[in-house]
Amino acid sequence: MRRHWVLLTVAATHVAGVGMALCQEGAATQPVPQTFAIETYVARAYNYLENMVDRDGRPYFDIFWTDPAEAAHDWPDFGDVMSRQWQAAIMARHLTGKEAHIEKLWAKKILSYPDPKTGLLMRQKTTFSEHVADPDDQALVLYALVTAYADTKDPTLRDAICKMVDHLPATYKRDAWIRGFHIKGLMTCVRHTGYKPALDQAGMLVKLAFEENPLFTPDNTFRHGGHMHGNLRILVGAADYALYVKDPVLFSRVDALYRYVRSTGTRFGFLPEVIGRKGDVVSCETCALMDFLGLAVTLANNGHPEYWGDVERMLRNQLVESQVSDVSWLRPGSKPDTGQFTWRDVGARMVGGYAGWSSPTHILAAKEELHWGGPELRGKTRAFQNCCGGSGTHAFFIAWKNASRFDGGTLSVHLHIDKLLP
């Protein structure tokens, strides 16, 4: 534990230096360091959540490092980005006590997109998206719907969740990686609604991912490429399933894969976006930090307390530093918005958002161009990808929720950070 404290002390000093406040009393003002409080960082995310949207409240997926900087709508906006950010707004409200102005609008929009017959979210037909029910979207929308249901217990939400679950098997025809991405949302559904078809589907998908079409090797590495966010989302769902059905063999396998993932990063909390991509500048996707923290706390809460150190180092040294604060490198623009693009103060609106590809020393690890979509999108350097915009707040919520708890007369403290408790 002594080695952990050395690292944490350095990180805490750095954070305090960033967040200095000036004492207003006395002739000589002295810097007063802020304590390390997750609430402080999540409060900064409201600027991003409420302003990096168009006039109708739809978020922008692409942020381009152009001159001036520009934000663009893209196909992930309807299901992927909006559902992650709605979920993040709910979590931020529980964490800070403040409701984002946009939260209710996102709820209304998400609930307006599903097909009336199947309950599956349909992207809108635009110049940059097709009217389709994409499998990736469904996994993320289901997770957001269950988060909202856990918050309100609204029976309308439960009906929407069950209808979607009933029709999800039609989307499982694609590759095993996409199918496995659904497990986490399904298991969250099981815990909060008790809907048995969700458990049955989760069991089927776990069997596919670990036995019938295995995504992981016998010696516990990634079989088909090393995309962290995708593989970790499968593992955190599988851990939930193993605990729910009391399968110690599966849980042990997930733990072994977690230790493999941990070995690919650094001791101070950096995690590569992709394992084994040759000739690449190593970069870190905030979405992967979210799922790593989700898996780490699940394991730590269930027999592996040695992983709390992993959680704290990633929280202090990589997640905090992945939140956008300095946008001086993004030149502001003032051109009027179009149906797809905005140039208005893009950098300022990104403050409080999160890095798409950070390095241990930079908010942007490398210049990466977009290779899909029409000519209006391709060939531009991406400054941020806003799937990470909701994931950063989600990651903070995971750490905050598990940092300390007061339950049944017992106080449990797992992380050395401040937290208000009832």
Protein backbone atom coordinates (compact mmCIF):
# COMPACT_ATOMS: atom_id res chain seq x y z
CA MET A 1 0.00 0.00 0.00
CA ARG A 2 2.94 2.35 0.60
CA ARG A 3 3.74 2.42 -3.13
CA HIS A 4 0.15 3.41 -3.86
CA TRP A 5 0.39 6.34 -1.48
CA VAL A 6 3.50 7.73 -3.20
CA LEU A 7 1.70 7.84 -6.54
CA LEU A 8 -1.50 9.24 -5.09
CA THR A 9 0.27 12.02 -3.23
CA VAL A 10 1.97 13.22 -6.41
CA ALA A 11 -1.31 13.15 -8.31
CA ALA A 12 -3.19 14.97 -5.56
CA THR A 13 -0.58 17.74 -5.47
CA HIS A 14 -0.90 18.20 -9.23
CA VAL A 15 -4.68 18.42 -9.11
CA ALA A 16 -4.60 20.88 -6.23
CA GLY A 17 -2.24 23.10 -8.22
CA VAL A 18 -4.69 23.22 -11.11
CA GLY A 19 -7.64 24.06 -8.91
CA MET A 20 -6.11 26.80 -6.72
CA ALA A 21 -8.48 29.32 -5.16
CA LEU A 22 -7.41 32.66 -3.65
CA CYS A 23 -8.18 33.48 -0.04
CA GLN A 24 -10.10 36.77 0.14
CA GLU A 25 -9.16 37.61 3.73
CA GLY A 26 -6.00 39.28 4.92
CA ALA A 27 -3.45 41.50 3.26
CA ALA A 28 -1.47 38.66 1.73
CA THR A 29 -3.57 36.26 -0.31
CA GLN A 30 -2.52 32.66 0.02
CA PRO A 31 -3.44 29.85 -2.41
CA VAL A 32 -5.94 27.44 -0.90
CA PRO A 33 -5.78 23.99 -2.52
CA GLN A 34 -9.07 22.31 -3.24
CA THR A 35 -9.62 18.84 -1.90
CA PHE A 36 -10.01 16.03 -4.41
CA ALA A 37 -13.77 15.88 -4.87
CA ILE A 38 -15.36 14.13 -7.84
CA GLU A 39 -18.35 16.48 -7.53
CA THR A 40 -16.07 19.36 -8.60
CA TYR A 41 -15.08 17.67 -11.84
CA VAL A 42 -18.56 16.46 -12.74
CA ALA A 43 -19.96 19.95 -12.15
CA ARG A 44 -17.63 21.15 -14.92
CA ALA A 45 -19.24 18.70 -17.35
CA TYR A 46 -22.53 20.62 -17.39
CA ASN A 47 -21.05 23.24 -19.70
CA TYR A 48 -20.30 20.55 -22.27
CA LEU A 49 -23.56 18.62 -21.84
CA GLU A 50 -25.75 21.70 -22.19
CA ASN A 51 -23.85 23.61 -24.89
CA MET A 52 -22.32 21.08 -27.28
CA VAL A 53 -25.74 20.55 -28.87
CA ASP A 54 -27.66 22.17 -31.72
CA ARG A 55 -30.70 24.37 -31.24
CA ASP A 56 -32.91 21.26 -31.09
CA GLY A 57 -30.78 19.66 -28.36
CA ARG A 58 -29.10 17.04 -30.56
CA PRO A 59 -25.43 16.49 -29.63
CA TYR A 60 -22.54 16.55 -32.10
CA PHE A 61 -20.36 13.45 -32.44
CA ASP A 62 -17.45 14.90 -34.46
CA ILE A 63 -15.24 17.78 -33.32
CA PHE A 64 -12.71 18.70 -36.01
CA TRP A 65 -9.40 20.50 -35.54
CA THR A 66 -10.01 22.80 -38.48
CA ASP A 67 -9.55 26.55 -38.84
CA PRO A 68 -11.85 27.55 -37.25
CA ALA A 69 -12.76 24.47 -35.21
CA GLU A 70 -16.05 22.88 -36.20
CA ALA A 71 -18.51 20.36 -34.77
CA ALA A 72 -20.50 18.07 -37.05
CA HIS A 73 -23.52 15.85 -36.71
CA ASP A 74 -22.91 12.21 -37.63
CA TRP A 75 -24.78 8.88 -37.45
CA PRO A 76 -23.88 8.19 -33.77
CA ASP A 77 -25.77 11.30 -32.63
CA PHE A 78 -29.21 9.67 -32.38
CA GLY A 79 -28.56 6.51 -30.36
CA ASP A 80 -24.92 6.30 -29.32
CA VAL A 81 -24.06 9.84 -28.23
CA MET A 82 -27.46 11.03 -27.02
CA SER A 83 -28.16 7.93 -24.93
CA ARG A 84 -24.71 8.03 -23.29
CA GLN A 85 -25.16 11.72 -22.49
CA TRP A 86 -28.71 11.31 -21.17
CA GLN A 87 -27.39 8.55 -18.90
CA ALA A 88 -24.51 10.82 -17.85
CA ALA A 89 -26.92 13.66 -17.03
CA ILE A 90 -28.93 11.35 -14.75
CA MET A 91 -25.76 10.21 -13.00
CA ALA A 92 -24.47 13.79 -12.69
CA ARG A 93 -27.74 14.83 -11.05
CA HIS A 94 -27.39 12.11 -8.41
CA LEU A 95 -23.77 13.08 -7.89
CA THR A 96 -24.09 16.87 -7.70
CA GLY A 97 -27.77 17.45 -6.93
CA LYS A 98 -28.11 19.63 -10.03
CA GLU A 99 -30.29 18.77 -13.02
CA ALA A 100 -28.92 19.55 -16.48
CA HIS A 101 -31.29 21.75 -18.47
CA ILE A 102 -31.06 19.29 -21.35
CA GLU A 103 -31.90 16.10 -19.43
CA LYS A 104 -35.68 16.08 -19.94
CA LEU A 105 -35.33 16.98 -23.63
CA TRP A 106 -32.98 14.05 -24.21
CA ALA A 107 -35.40 11.74 -22.45
CA LYS A 108 -38.20 12.93 -24.73
CA LYS A 109 -36.09 12.51 -27.85
CA ILE A 110 -34.81 9.04 -26.97
CA LEU A 111 -38.35 7.85 -26.28
CA SER A 112 -39.56 9.30 -29.59
CA TYR A 113 -37.08 7.39 -31.78
CA PRO A 114 -38.07 3.72 -31.17
CA ASP A 115 -40.16 1.85 -33.73
CA PRO A 116 -43.71 1.47 -32.28
CA LYS A 117 -43.81 -2.25 -33.13
CA THR A 118 -40.35 -3.38 -32.03
CA GLY A 119 -39.26 -0.78 -29.51
CA LEU A 120 -35.87 -0.61 -31.25
CA LEU A 121 -34.36 2.84 -31.69
CA MET A 122 -34.42 4.01 -35.31
CA ARG A 123 -31.92 6.57 -36.50
CA GLN A 124 -33.50 9.39 -38.43
CA LYS A 125 -33.01 9.64 -42.17
CA THR A 126 -30.67 12.56 -42.89
CA THR A 127 -27.82 13.39 -45.23
CA PHE A 128 -25.45 11.68 -42.76
CA SER A 129 -27.55 8.79 -41.41
CA GLU A 130 -29.98 6.12 -42.58
CA HIS A 131 -33.31 5.10 -41.06
CA VAL A 132 -32.01 1.90 -39.44
CA ALA A 133 -32.08 0.04 -36.12
CA ASP A 134 -28.35 -0.33 -35.50
CA PRO A 135 -27.23 -3.08 -33.05
CA ASP A 136 -24.66 -0.83 -31.36
CA ASP A 137 -27.32 1.79 -30.67
CA GLN A 138 -29.68 -0.68 -29.03
CA ALA A 139 -27.10 -1.81 -26.47
CA LEU A 140 -26.42 1.76 -25.37
CA VAL A 141 -30.04 2.91 -25.46
CA LEU A 142 -31.15 -0.07 -23.36
CA TYR A 143 -28.53 0.74 -20.71
CA ALA A 144 -29.69 4.39 -20.64
CA LEU A 145 -33.36 3.43 -20.41
CA VAL A 146 -32.67 1.15 -17.46
CA THR A 147 -30.65 3.90 -15.77
CA ALA A 148 -33.63 6.22 -16.14
CA TYR A 149 -36.01 3.53 -14.86
CA ALA A 150 -33.83 2.88 -11.81
CA ASP A 151 -34.03 6.62 -11.14
CA THR A 152 -37.81 7.10 -11.53
CA LYS A 153 -39.51 3.66 -11.56
CA ASP A 154 -41.71 5.05 -14.34
CA PRO A 155 -43.83 2.13 -15.70
CA THR A 156 -43.73 3.69 -19.18
CA LEU A 157 -39.97 3.25 -19.18
CA ARG A 158 -40.29 -0.35 -18.04
CA ASP A 159 -42.70 -1.07 -20.90
CA ALA A 160 -40.24 0.47 -23.38
CA ILE A 161 -37.39 -1.60 -21.91
CA CYS A 162 -39.29 -4.89 -22.10
CA LYS A 163 -40.46 -4.25 -25.66
CA MET A 164 -36.89 -3.51 -26.74
CA VAL A 165 -35.55 -6.63 -25.00
CA ASP A 166 -38.18 -8.79 -26.71
CA HIS A 167 -37.00 -7.64 -30.14
CA LEU A 168 -33.24 -7.47 -29.53
CA PRO A 169 -32.56 -11.01 -30.85
CA ALA A 170 -33.25 -9.74 -34.37
CA THR A 171 -30.17 -7.51 -34.02
CA TYR A 172 -27.83 -10.30 -32.86
CA LYS A 173 -27.04 -11.52 -36.38
CA ARG A 174 -23.87 -9.49 -36.66
CA ASP A 175 -20.44 -10.43 -35.30
CA ALA A 176 -19.91 -11.77 -31.80
CA TRP A 177 -18.24 -8.56 -30.60
CA ILE A 178 -21.41 -6.55 -31.26
CA ARG A 179 -23.58 -9.22 -29.62
CA GLY A 180 -21.41 -9.22 -26.51
CA PHE A 181 -21.74 -5.45 -26.20
CA HIS A 182 -25.38 -5.99 -25.13
CA ILE A 183 -24.64 -8.09 -22.02
CA LYS A 184 -24.08 -5.18 -19.63
CA GLY A 185 -27.35 -3.46 -20.51
CA LEU A 186 -29.26 -6.72 -20.31
CA MET A 187 -27.88 -7.52 -16.86
CA THR A 188 -28.64 -4.02 -15.61
CA CYS A 189 -32.17 -4.63 -16.89
CA VAL A 190 -32.34 -7.92 -14.95
CA ARG A 191 -31.26 -6.29 -11.71
CA HIS A 192 -33.70 -3.39 -11.89
CA THR A 193 -36.74 -4.96 -13.58
CA GLY A 194 -36.41 -8.69 -12.97
CA TYR A 195 -37.38 -9.29 -16.61
CA LYS A 196 -36.40 -12.91 -17.26
CA PRO A 197 -36.03 -12.72 -21.07
CA ALA A 198 -33.17 -10.28 -20.47
CA LEU A 199 -31.40 -12.85 -18.28
CA ASP A 200 -31.96 -15.57 -20.88
CA GLN A 201 -30.48 -13.40 -23.61
CA ALA A 202 -27.52 -12.41 -21.45
CA GLY A 203 -26.78 -16.08 -20.76
CA MET A 204 -26.95 -16.89 -24.45
CA LEU A 205 -24.60 -14.03 -25.33
CA VAL A 206 -22.12 -14.98 -22.58
CA LYS A 207 -22.05 -18.53 -23.92
CA LEU A 208 -21.41 -17.24 -27.44
CA ALA A 209 -18.62 -14.92 -26.29
CA PHE A 210 -16.83 -17.42 -24.07
CA GLU A 211 -17.59 -20.84 -25.58
CA GLU A 212 -19.27 -21.14 -28.96
CA ASN A 213 -17.52 -18.27 -30.78
CA PRO A 214 -14.92 -17.28 -28.21
CA LEU A 215 -13.66 -13.72 -28.19
CA PHE A 216 -10.89 -14.56 -25.71
CA THR A 217 -8.02 -17.03 -25.97
CA PRO A 218 -7.49 -19.98 -23.59
CA ASP A 219 -4.60 -18.09 -21.98
CA ASN A 220 -6.89 -15.08 -21.43
CA THR A 221 -6.00 -12.49 -24.04
CA PHE A 222 -8.14 -10.84 -26.74
CA ARG A 223 -8.63 -13.16 -29.72
CA HIS A 224 -9.94 -10.77 -32.40
CA GLY A 225 -8.14 -7.46 -32.10
CA GLY A 226 -7.69 -5.41 -29.00
CA HIS A 227 -10.35 -2.69 -28.91
CA MET A 228 -10.51 -1.89 -25.21
CA HIS A 229 -13.96 -0.33 -24.93
CA GLY A 230 -15.64 -3.20 -26.79
CA ASN A 231 -13.88 -6.01 -24.96
CA LEU A 232 -14.17 -4.40 -21.53
CA ARG A 233 -17.90 -3.76 -22.00
CA ILE A 234 -18.32 -7.49 -22.70
CA LEU A 235 -16.27 -8.38 -19.61
CA VAL A 236 -18.10 -6.05 -17.23
CA GLY A 237 -21.39 -7.54 -18.43
CA ALA A 238 -20.05 -11.08 -18.05
CA ALA A 239 -18.93 -10.28 -14.49
CA ASP A 240 -22.45 -9.12 -13.66
CA TYR A 241 -23.89 -12.29 -15.16
CA ALA A 242 -21.44 -14.54 -13.28
CA LEU A 243 -22.35 -12.92 -9.97
CA TYR A 244 -26.08 -13.08 -10.65
CA VAL A 245 -26.13 -16.78 -11.58
CA LYS A 246 -23.35 -17.65 -9.09
CA ASP A 247 -20.85 -18.98 -11.64
CA PRO A 248 -17.40 -18.87 -9.95
CA VAL A 249 -15.63 -20.34 -12.98
CA LEU A 250 -16.82 -17.56 -15.28
CA PHE A 251 -16.08 -14.92 -12.64
CA SER A 252 -12.54 -16.28 -12.25
CA ARG A 253 -12.08 -16.15 -16.02
CA VAL A 254 -13.20 -12.53 -16.11
CA ASP A 255 -10.74 -11.74 -13.32
CA ALA A 256 -7.90 -13.34 -15.31
CA LEU A 257 -8.83 -11.24 -18.36
CA TYR A 258 -8.94 -8.13 -16.19
CA ARG A 259 -5.38 -8.83 -15.05
CA TYR A 260 -4.35 -9.18 -18.69
CA VAL A 261 -5.94 -5.83 -19.53
CA ARG A 262 -4.22 -4.22 -16.57
CA SER A 263 -0.86 -5.53 -17.82
CA THR A 264 -1.29 -3.66 -21.13
CA GLY A 265 -1.53 -0.25 -19.45
CA THR A 266 0.66 1.64 -17.00
CA ARG A 267 0.77 1.54 -13.22
CA PHE A 268 -0.41 5.15 -13.04
CA GLY A 269 -3.68 4.43 -14.87
CA PHE A 270 -3.16 4.93 -18.61
CA LEU A 271 -4.93 2.34 -20.78
CA PRO A 272 -4.39 1.98 -24.55
CA GLU A 273 -7.42 2.26 -26.83
CA VAL A 274 -6.26 -0.69 -28.92
CA ILE A 275 -3.89 -3.55 -28.12
CA GLY A 276 -1.45 -4.70 -30.79
CA ARG A 277 -2.12 -2.07 -33.45
CA LYS A 278 1.34 -1.80 -35.02
CA GLY A 279 2.84 1.53 -35.96
CA ASP A 280 0.34 3.39 -33.78
CA VAL A 281 0.85 6.26 -31.38
CA VAL A 282 -0.57 4.89 -28.15
CA SER A 283 -3.80 6.65 -27.29
CA CYS A 284 -6.47 6.26 -24.61
CA GLU A 285 -10.24 6.38 -25.19
CA THR A 286 -12.27 7.73 -22.27
CA CYS A 287 -14.97 5.13 -23.03
CA ALA A 288 -12.42 2.43 -22.17
CA LEU A 289 -11.60 4.13 -18.86
CA MET A 290 -15.30 3.96 -17.99
CA ASP A 291 -15.54 0.22 -18.60
CA PHE A 292 -12.19 -0.52 -16.92
CA LEU A 293 -13.43 1.25 -13.79
CA GLY A 294 -16.75 -0.58 -14.00
CA LEU A 295 -15.00 -3.94 -14.14
CA ALA A 296 -12.43 -3.03 -11.48
CA VAL A 297 -15.03 -2.00 -8.89
CA THR A 298 -17.15 -5.08 -9.62
CA LEU A 299 -14.16 -7.30 -8.93
CA ALA A 300 -13.01 -5.20 -5.95
CA ASN A 301 -16.45 -5.38 -4.35
CA ASN A 302 -16.56 -9.14 -4.80
CA GLY A 303 -13.40 -10.66 -3.45
CA HIS A 304 -10.56 -8.63 -4.99
CA PRO A 305 -9.99 -5.55 -2.79
CA GLU A 306 -6.47 -5.30 -4.18
CA TYR A 307 -7.97 -3.59 -7.24
CA TRP A 308 -9.06 -0.46 -5.38
CA GLY A 309 -5.57 0.90 -5.99
CA ASP A 310 -6.08 0.47 -9.74
CA VAL A 311 -9.33 2.43 -9.50
CA GLU A 312 -7.79 5.31 -7.59
CA ARG A 313 -4.73 5.67 -9.79
CA MET A 314 -6.79 5.69 -13.00
CA LEU A 315 -9.24 8.15 -11.48
CA ARG A 316 -6.59 10.61 -10.29
CA ASN A 317 -4.00 10.28 -13.03
CA GLN A 318 -5.84 9.61 -16.29
CA LEU A 319 -9.57 10.26 -15.98
CA VAL A 320 -9.21 13.67 -14.32
CA GLU A 321 -6.62 14.70 -16.89
CA SER A 322 -8.88 13.53 -19.73
CA GLN A 323 -11.46 16.22 -18.97
CA VAL A 324 -11.22 19.15 -21.38
CA SER A 325 -10.09 22.42 -19.79
CA ASP A 326 -7.58 24.17 -22.09
CA VAL A 327 -9.13 24.87 -25.51
CA SER A 328 -6.74 27.61 -26.62
CA TRP A 329 -5.58 25.35 -29.48
CA LEU A 330 -9.08 25.33 -31.03
CA ARG A 331 -9.67 28.60 -32.91
CA PRO A 332 -13.22 29.92 -32.39
CA GLY A 333 -15.48 30.71 -35.29
CA SER A 334 -18.65 32.73 -35.79
CA LYS A 335 -20.24 31.46 -39.01
CA PRO A 336 -23.96 30.67 -38.75
CA ASP A 337 -24.88 27.06 -38.03
CA THR A 338 -26.05 24.77 -40.80
CA GLY A 339 -28.16 21.62 -40.45
CA GLN A 340 -24.99 19.55 -39.90
CA PHE A 341 -22.22 21.91 -38.75
CA THR A 342 -21.54 24.52 -36.10
CA TRP A 343 -18.52 26.81 -35.78
CA ARG A 344 -19.71 28.96 -32.86
CA ASP A 345 -17.14 28.87 -30.04
CA VAL A 346 -16.64 25.13 -30.43
CA GLY A 347 -13.70 25.02 -28.03
CA ALA A 348 -15.51 26.89 -25.26
CA ARG A 349 -18.51 24.57 -25.63
CA MET A 350 -16.21 21.53 -25.28
CA VAL A 351 -14.91 22.60 -21.85
CA GLY A 352 -16.00 19.91 -19.38
CA GLY A 353 -16.15 17.26 -22.10
CA TYR A 354 -13.63 14.43 -22.41
CA ALA A 355 -10.75 13.33 -24.58
CA GLY A 356 -11.37 10.92 -27.42
CA TRP A 357 -7.73 9.88 -27.69
CA SER A 358 -5.51 11.11 -24.86
CA SER A 359 -1.90 10.18 -24.20
CA PRO A 360 -0.16 10.24 -20.81
CA THR A 361 0.93 13.80 -21.58
CA HIS A 362 -1.54 15.20 -24.14
CA ILE A 363 -5.30 15.68 -24.41
CA LEU A 364 -4.96 14.58 -28.07
CA ALA A 365 -2.52 11.75 -28.71
CA ALA A 366 -2.30 11.96 -32.49
CA LYS A 367 -3.80 13.53 -35.59
CA GLU A 368 -6.41 11.06 -36.77
CA GLU A 369 -8.70 11.63 -39.75
CA LEU A 370 -12.28 10.51 -40.23
CA HIS A 371 -12.58 7.87 -42.96
CA TRP A 372 -16.34 7.37 -43.15
CA GLY A 373 -19.27 9.50 -44.26
CA GLY A 374 -19.50 11.97 -47.09
CA PRO A 375 -16.84 14.35 -48.40
CA GLU A 376 -17.95 16.98 -45.88
CA LEU A 377 -16.57 14.76 -43.08
CA ARG A 378 -13.67 12.77 -44.51
CA GLY A 379 -10.05 13.81 -44.36
CA LYS A 380 -10.34 16.19 -41.39
CA THR A 381 -8.33 15.82 -38.19
CA ARG A 382 -10.61 14.92 -35.30
CA ALA A 383 -9.99 16.78 -32.05
CA PHE A 384 -12.61 14.81 -30.11
CA GLN A 385 -15.16 12.05 -30.60
CA ASN A 386 -18.14 12.64 -28.36
CA CYS A 387 -19.06 9.07 -27.54
CA CYS A 388 -16.55 9.88 -24.81
CA GLY A 389 -18.57 12.95 -23.78
CA GLY A 390 -21.02 10.92 -21.72
CA SER A 391 -18.57 8.18 -20.80
CA GLY A 392 -16.30 10.47 -18.79
CA THR A 393 -19.07 11.50 -16.41
CA HIS A 394 -20.23 7.86 -16.25
CA ALA A 395 -16.67 6.88 -15.25
CA PHE A 396 -16.62 9.51 -12.50
CA PHE A 397 -19.99 8.24 -11.25
CA ILE A 398 -18.65 4.69 -10.97
CA ALA A 399 -15.77 5.86 -8.81
CA TRP A 400 -17.95 8.22 -6.74
CA LYS A 401 -20.63 5.60 -6.09
CA ASN A 402 -18.06 3.10 -4.85
CA ALA A 403 -15.63 5.45 -3.08
CA SER A 404 -17.41 5.17 0.26
CA ARG A 405 -20.77 3.95 1.46
CA PHE A 406 -22.78 4.13 4.66
CA ASP A 407 -25.11 1.16 4.79
CA GLY A 408 -26.76 -0.63 7.69
CA GLY A 409 -24.82 1.34 10.25
CA THR A 410 -21.46 0.51 8.66
CA LEU A 411 -19.18 2.97 6.87
CA SER A 412 -16.99 1.43 4.14
CA VAL A 413 -14.25 3.59 2.60
CA HIS A 414 -12.55 2.30 -0.53
CA LEU A 415 -10.91 5.36 -2.11
CA HIS A 416 -8.98 8.25 -0.55
CA ILE A 417 -11.26 11.00 -1.89
CA ASP A 418 -13.87 13.32 -0.42
CA LYS A 419 -17.56 12.40 -0.62
CA LEU A 420 -20.63 13.76 1.10
CA LEU A 421 -22.54 10.97 2.80
CA PRO A 422 -26.02 11.06 4.39
